[in-house]
């Protein structure tokens, strides 16, 4: 697998499984896109091991193998893999923290044995590795303004948490079918919801009230994330704004549908996606032109 082929594999994974965010990445400068695809591709690769409904191999062994190959690759050894060459190249190119990679893989391992979380703090511990570190891994690629690198980390974390909690609300039925309940047990008890209620064909009133409560938490994460957009270089802002609008659009559709997420998978209509993309396209083009306008002085 050549490096070029590995990046293309990651791009296709992103286009197929992360369509909303993939659309937003089209607003990035071309050179940044492949690195975002590589980080997404690696995350999706690991997620597929623990989440696929069709996988018949031993998931634990498959994840162990991925962890070993990732560690060897990070140590500089060559690896035979369709996704890892692009991921490792991106990690080395941008100095992505090893602790973030390890935290992500640890959360993937938790999905093999942990089926629920007692409190929201417990869930945040899981999401630290499964979502917050995705935000901090993306940050070097998106580029914080000079001197704002540290200030941009927490908003990047919060955006990862917001996206993941949005996914949890949308995917309640899918996760229940996998034997997992991500919504905290203390919240289920507070609203009188039994885990079995999350697998029913219709969304009952108590479940809707529970989801509305969790949606409020997601909104708080979005609010904490948005100020970080202005800490990024101008050419990355349209992409992140579009991603927030598209993922926030999922939350809007959930709310608009009265939190009836068990009946069918909630989606943002294509026309709204296209409109969001168009709104940010002009800003993306202008930011790219400005950043490329660099004077070169000969000695």
Protein backbone atom coordinates (compact mmCIF):
# COMPACT_ATOMS: atom_id res chain seq x y z
CA UNK A 1 0.00 0.00 0.00
CA UNK A 2 1.64 3.23 -1.13
CA UNK A 3 1.19 6.41 0.85
CA UNK A 4 -0.90 7.89 -1.96
CA UNK A 5 -3.16 4.82 -1.99
CA UNK A 6 -3.50 4.91 1.79
CA UNK A 7 -4.62 8.54 1.75
CA UNK A 8 -7.12 7.70 -0.96
CA UNK A 9 -8.45 4.78 1.11
CA UNK A 10 -8.95 7.15 4.05
CA UNK A 11 -10.68 9.69 1.81
CA UNK A 12 -13.12 7.05 0.60
CA UNK A 13 -13.84 5.90 4.15
CA UNK A 14 -14.54 9.49 5.11
CA UNK A 15 -16.77 10.12 2.10
CA UNK A 16 -18.77 6.95 2.76
CA UNK A 17 -19.20 7.02 6.53
CA UNK A 18 -18.76 10.66 7.56
CA UNK A 19 -20.70 12.45 4.87
CA UNK A 20 -21.57 15.60 6.80
CA UNK A 21 -18.03 16.25 7.97
CA UNK A 22 -16.62 15.15 4.61
CA UNK A 23 -18.72 17.82 2.92
CA UNK A 24 -17.34 20.40 5.35
CA UNK A 25 -13.74 19.35 4.61
CA UNK A 26 -14.22 20.36 0.97
CA UNK A 27 -14.00 23.92 2.29
CA UNK A 28 -10.43 23.37 3.50
CA UNK A 29 -7.31 24.07 1.45
CA UNK A 30 -6.59 20.95 -0.60
CA UNK A 31 -3.38 20.13 1.27
CA UNK A 32 -5.21 19.93 4.62
CA UNK A 33 -8.01 17.68 3.43
CA UNK A 34 -6.00 14.51 3.08
CA UNK A 35 -4.71 14.79 6.64
CA UNK A 36 -8.24 15.22 8.01
CA UNK A 37 -9.26 12.18 5.93
CA UNK A 38 -6.35 10.21 7.42
CA UNK A 39 -7.38 10.98 11.00
CA UNK A 40 -11.01 10.19 10.26
CA UNK A 41 -10.05 7.02 8.38
CA UNK A 42 -8.06 5.69 11.33
CA UNK A 43 -10.89 6.47 13.75
CA UNK A 44 -13.43 4.80 11.49
CA UNK A 45 -11.13 1.79 10.97
CA UNK A 46 -10.94 1.18 14.72
CA UNK A 47 -14.62 1.95 15.26
CA UNK A 48 -15.60 -0.61 12.63
CA UNK A 49 -13.74 -3.31 14.56
CA UNK A 50 -15.79 -2.72 17.70
CA UNK A 51 -19.11 -1.66 16.13
CA UNK A 52 -19.67 -3.55 12.89
CA UNK A 53 -22.82 -5.67 12.80
CA UNK A 54 -21.26 -7.94 10.16
CA UNK A 55 -17.80 -8.65 11.59
CA UNK A 56 -17.41 -12.32 12.54
CA UNK A 57 -13.76 -12.36 13.62
CA UNK A 58 -12.68 -11.97 17.25
CA UNK A 59 -13.01 -8.23 17.89
CA UNK A 60 -10.59 -8.21 20.80
CA UNK A 61 -7.86 -9.88 18.77
CA UNK A 62 -8.50 -7.58 15.81
CA UNK A 63 -8.21 -4.50 18.03
CA UNK A 64 -5.07 -5.92 19.69
CA UNK A 65 -3.56 -6.36 16.23
CA UNK A 66 -4.40 -2.78 15.27
CA UNK A 67 -2.88 -1.46 18.51
CA UNK A 68 0.32 -3.44 17.97
CA UNK A 69 0.67 -2.29 14.36
CA UNK A 70 -0.05 1.30 15.35
CA UNK A 71 2.58 1.20 18.11
CA UNK A 72 5.13 -0.28 15.72
CA UNK A 73 4.34 2.33 13.13
CA UNK A 74 4.67 5.14 15.68
CA UNK A 75 8.06 3.68 16.59
CA UNK A 76 9.14 4.02 12.97
CA UNK A 77 8.68 0.44 11.81
CA UNK A 78 7.07 -0.24 8.41
CA UNK A 79 3.51 -1.56 8.59
CA UNK A 80 1.41 -3.47 6.07
CA UNK A 81 -2.01 -1.87 6.32
CA UNK A 82 -4.41 0.07 4.08
CA UNK A 83 -5.04 2.97 6.50
CA UNK A 84 -2.08 3.23 8.87
CA UNK A 85 0.51 4.66 6.42
CA UNK A 86 -1.59 7.80 5.88
CA UNK A 87 -2.46 8.07 9.58
CA UNK A 88 1.15 7.64 10.71
CA UNK A 89 2.38 10.13 8.11
CA UNK A 90 -0.13 12.70 9.40
CA UNK A 91 0.79 12.02 13.05
CA UNK A 92 4.50 12.52 12.30
CA UNK A 93 3.94 15.54 10.08
CA UNK A 94 1.95 17.47 12.68
CA UNK A 95 3.33 16.15 15.95
CA UNK A 96 0.01 14.63 17.01
CA UNK A 97 0.38 13.64 20.66
CA UNK A 98 0.92 9.94 21.31
CA UNK A 99 -1.23 10.20 24.43
CA UNK A 100 -4.19 11.21 22.25
CA UNK A 101 -3.73 8.15 20.02
CA UNK A 102 -3.46 5.88 23.08
CA UNK A 103 -6.54 7.48 24.70
CA UNK A 104 -8.57 6.90 21.56
CA UNK A 105 -7.60 3.23 21.33
CA UNK A 106 -8.35 2.77 25.04
CA UNK A 107 -11.90 4.04 24.49
CA UNK A 108 -12.32 1.68 21.56
CA UNK A 109 -11.27 -1.16 23.84
CA UNK A 110 -13.86 -0.08 26.41
CA UNK A 111 -16.57 -0.64 23.80
CA UNK A 112 -15.71 -4.34 23.80
CA UNK A 113 -16.70 -4.82 27.44
CA UNK A 114 -18.46 -1.75 28.85
CA UNK A 115 -22.19 -1.65 28.09
CA UNK A 116 -23.24 1.41 30.07
CA UNK A 117 -22.18 4.38 32.17
CA UNK A 118 -23.55 5.22 35.61
CA UNK A 119 -23.08 8.99 35.54
CA UNK A 120 -22.39 11.75 33.03
CA UNK A 121 -18.89 12.12 34.49
CA UNK A 122 -18.32 8.44 33.71
CA UNK A 123 -19.52 8.98 30.16
CA UNK A 124 -17.25 12.02 29.82
CA UNK A 125 -14.34 9.79 30.79
CA UNK A 126 -15.15 7.53 27.86
CA UNK A 127 -15.75 10.45 25.49
CA UNK A 128 -12.41 11.97 26.42
CA UNK A 129 -10.78 9.21 24.41
CA UNK A 130 -13.46 8.56 21.83
CA UNK A 131 -14.24 12.18 20.92
CA UNK A 132 -12.33 14.94 22.74
CA UNK A 133 -8.94 13.69 21.56
CA UNK A 134 -10.21 13.57 17.97
CA UNK A 135 -10.66 17.32 18.28
CA UNK A 136 -7.15 17.82 19.65
CA UNK A 137 -5.65 15.53 17.00
CA UNK A 138 -7.36 17.59 14.29
CA UNK A 139 -6.16 20.89 15.76
CA UNK A 140 -2.58 20.87 14.38
CA UNK A 141 -3.93 20.19 10.89
CA UNK A 142 -6.53 22.95 11.13
CA UNK A 143 -3.85 25.31 12.52
CA UNK A 144 -4.43 27.59 15.47
CA UNK A 145 -3.34 31.21 15.12
CA UNK A 146 0.23 31.81 16.28
CA UNK A 147 0.27 31.99 20.07
CA UNK A 148 -3.28 30.58 20.41
CA UNK A 149 -2.41 26.88 20.25
CA UNK A 150 -3.08 26.21 23.93
CA UNK A 151 -6.21 28.36 24.08
CA UNK A 152 -7.65 26.47 21.09
CA UNK A 153 -7.32 23.03 22.71
CA UNK A 154 -10.32 23.19 25.01
CA UNK A 155 -12.76 24.39 22.32
CA UNK A 156 -11.44 21.60 20.07
CA UNK A 157 -12.16 19.09 22.86
CA UNK A 158 -15.62 20.52 23.37
CA UNK A 159 -16.43 20.23 19.68
CA UNK A 160 -15.49 16.56 19.74
CA UNK A 161 -17.77 16.04 22.75
CA UNK A 162 -20.63 17.93 21.09
CA UNK A 163 -20.39 15.84 17.91
CA UNK A 164 -20.26 12.57 19.83
CA UNK A 165 -23.18 13.38 22.11
CA UNK A 166 -25.18 14.33 19.01
CA UNK A 167 -24.35 10.91 17.59
CA UNK A 168 -25.44 9.19 20.79
CA UNK A 169 -28.84 10.88 20.62
CA UNK A 170 -29.32 9.99 16.96
CA UNK A 171 -28.06 6.42 17.33
CA UNK A 172 -29.88 5.34 20.51
CA UNK A 173 -31.59 2.42 18.74
CA UNK A 174 -28.42 1.25 16.95
CA UNK A 175 -26.39 1.35 20.14
CA UNK A 176 -29.10 -0.56 22.01
CA UNK A 177 -29.02 -3.23 19.30
CA UNK A 178 -25.27 -3.57 19.97
CA UNK A 179 -26.00 -4.08 23.65
CA UNK A 180 -24.82 -0.62 24.71
CA UNK A 181 -26.52 2.30 26.43
CA UNK A 182 -24.38 5.43 26.34
CA UNK A 183 -26.91 7.68 28.05
CA UNK A 184 -26.06 7.71 31.79
CA UNK A 185 -27.97 5.31 34.03
CA UNK A 186 -28.64 8.08 36.56
CA UNK A 187 -30.40 10.05 33.82
CA UNK A 188 -32.49 7.07 32.76
CA UNK A 189 -33.59 6.65 36.38
CA UNK A 190 -34.35 10.35 36.71
CA UNK A 191 -36.81 10.21 33.80
CA UNK A 192 -38.18 6.75 34.56
CA UNK A 193 -36.67 5.12 31.48
CA UNK A 194 -35.67 1.45 31.38
CA UNK A 195 -32.84 0.38 29.04
CA UNK A 196 -35.34 -1.80 27.16
CA UNK A 197 -37.35 1.35 26.33
CA UNK A 198 -34.48 2.45 24.07
CA UNK A 199 -35.01 -0.56 21.84
CA UNK A 200 -38.74 -0.20 21.29
CA UNK A 201 -40.25 0.61 17.87
CA UNK A 202 -41.71 3.89 19.13
CA UNK A 203 -40.22 6.63 21.28
CA UNK A 204 -42.20 6.96 24.49
CA UNK A 205 -42.75 10.21 26.36
CA UNK A 206 -40.21 9.46 29.08
CA UNK A 207 -37.53 8.67 26.49
CA UNK A 208 -38.28 11.93 24.68
CA UNK A 209 -37.87 13.87 27.91
CA UNK A 210 -34.59 12.09 28.56
CA UNK A 211 -33.32 12.92 25.08
CA UNK A 212 -34.35 16.56 25.45
CA UNK A 213 -32.30 16.74 28.66
CA UNK A 214 -29.23 15.23 26.94
CA UNK A 215 -29.72 17.57 23.96
CA UNK A 216 -29.34 20.46 26.38
CA UNK A 217 -25.96 19.07 27.38
CA UNK A 218 -24.94 18.78 23.75
CA UNK A 219 -25.87 22.43 23.25
CA UNK A 220 -23.60 23.40 26.13
CA UNK A 221 -20.69 21.62 24.46
CA UNK A 222 -21.40 23.40 21.17
CA UNK A 223 -21.51 26.76 22.96
CA UNK A 224 -18.14 26.04 24.58
CA UNK A 225 -16.66 25.02 21.23
CA UNK A 226 -17.76 27.85 18.96
CA UNK A 227 -15.42 30.58 20.34
CA UNK A 228 -12.49 28.38 19.33
CA UNK A 229 -13.27 28.79 15.63
CA UNK A 230 -11.87 32.34 15.66
CA UNK A 231 -8.64 30.96 17.16
CA UNK A 232 -8.00 29.04 13.93
CA UNK A 233 -6.35 30.40 10.81
CA UNK A 234 -8.88 31.93 8.42
CA UNK A 235 -8.68 29.12 5.84
CA UNK A 236 -9.92 26.54 8.39
CA UNK A 237 -12.81 28.53 9.83
CA UNK A 238 -15.38 27.94 7.05
CA UNK A 239 -14.88 24.18 7.32
CA UNK A 240 -15.39 24.10 11.08
CA UNK A 241 -18.34 26.51 10.93
CA UNK A 242 -19.96 24.30 8.31
CA UNK A 243 -19.28 21.17 10.38
CA UNK A 244 -20.90 22.80 13.42
CA UNK A 245 -23.88 23.82 11.31
CA UNK A 246 -24.26 20.36 9.77
CA UNK A 247 -23.83 18.39 13.00
CA UNK A 248 -25.87 20.95 14.89
CA UNK A 249 -28.41 20.40 12.12
CA UNK A 250 -28.77 16.79 13.26
CA UNK A 251 -29.64 18.08 16.72
CA UNK A 252 -32.12 20.54 15.18
CA UNK A 253 -33.78 17.71 13.23
CA UNK A 254 -33.99 15.59 16.40
CA UNK A 255 -35.66 18.47 18.22
CA UNK A 256 -37.91 19.29 15.27
CA UNK A 257 -39.10 15.67 15.20
CA UNK A 258 -40.04 15.78 18.87
CA UNK A 259 -37.08 13.51 19.79
CA UNK A 260 -38.70 10.55 18.01
CA UNK A 261 -35.38 8.87 17.23
CA UNK A 262 -36.47 5.25 17.57
CA UNK A 263 -38.82 5.28 14.59
CA UNK A 264 -36.15 6.10 11.99
CA UNK A 265 -32.62 7.47 11.68
CA UNK A 266 -32.63 11.26 11.80
CA UNK A 267 -30.93 12.97 8.85
CA UNK A 268 -30.33 16.54 7.74
CA UNK A 269 -32.13 17.04 4.39
CA UNK A 270 -29.78 17.32 1.42
CA UNK A 271 -31.03 20.77 0.50
CA UNK A 272 -30.05 22.05 3.95
CA UNK A 273 -26.61 20.46 3.64
CA UNK A 274 -26.14 22.07 0.23
CA UNK A 275 -27.30 25.43 1.56
CA UNK A 276 -24.88 25.25 4.50
CA UNK A 277 -22.01 24.37 2.17
CA UNK A 278 -22.87 27.22 -0.20
CA UNK A 279 -23.03 29.74 2.65
CA UNK A 280 -19.44 29.04 3.62
CA UNK A 281 -17.97 28.47 0.16
CA UNK A 282 -17.29 32.13 -0.66
CA UNK A 283 -15.55 32.71 2.69
CA UNK A 284 -13.45 29.61 2.10
CA UNK A 285 -12.31 30.79 -1.32
CA UNK A 286 -11.48 34.30 -0.09
CA UNK A 287 -9.55 33.03 2.97
CA UNK A 288 -7.53 30.73 0.74
CA UNK A 289 -6.65 33.57 -1.62
CA UNK A 290 -5.56 35.83 1.23
CA UNK A 291 -3.35 33.17 2.82
CA UNK A 292 -1.66 32.43 -0.49
CA UNK A 293 -0.86 36.12 -1.06
CA UNK A 294 2.68 35.99 0.34
CA UNK A 295 5.49 38.25 -0.82
CA UNK A 296 8.73 36.52 -1.71
CA UNK A 297 11.82 38.67 -1.41
CA UNK A 298 15.04 37.53 -2.99
CA UNK A 299 18.30 38.09 -1.09
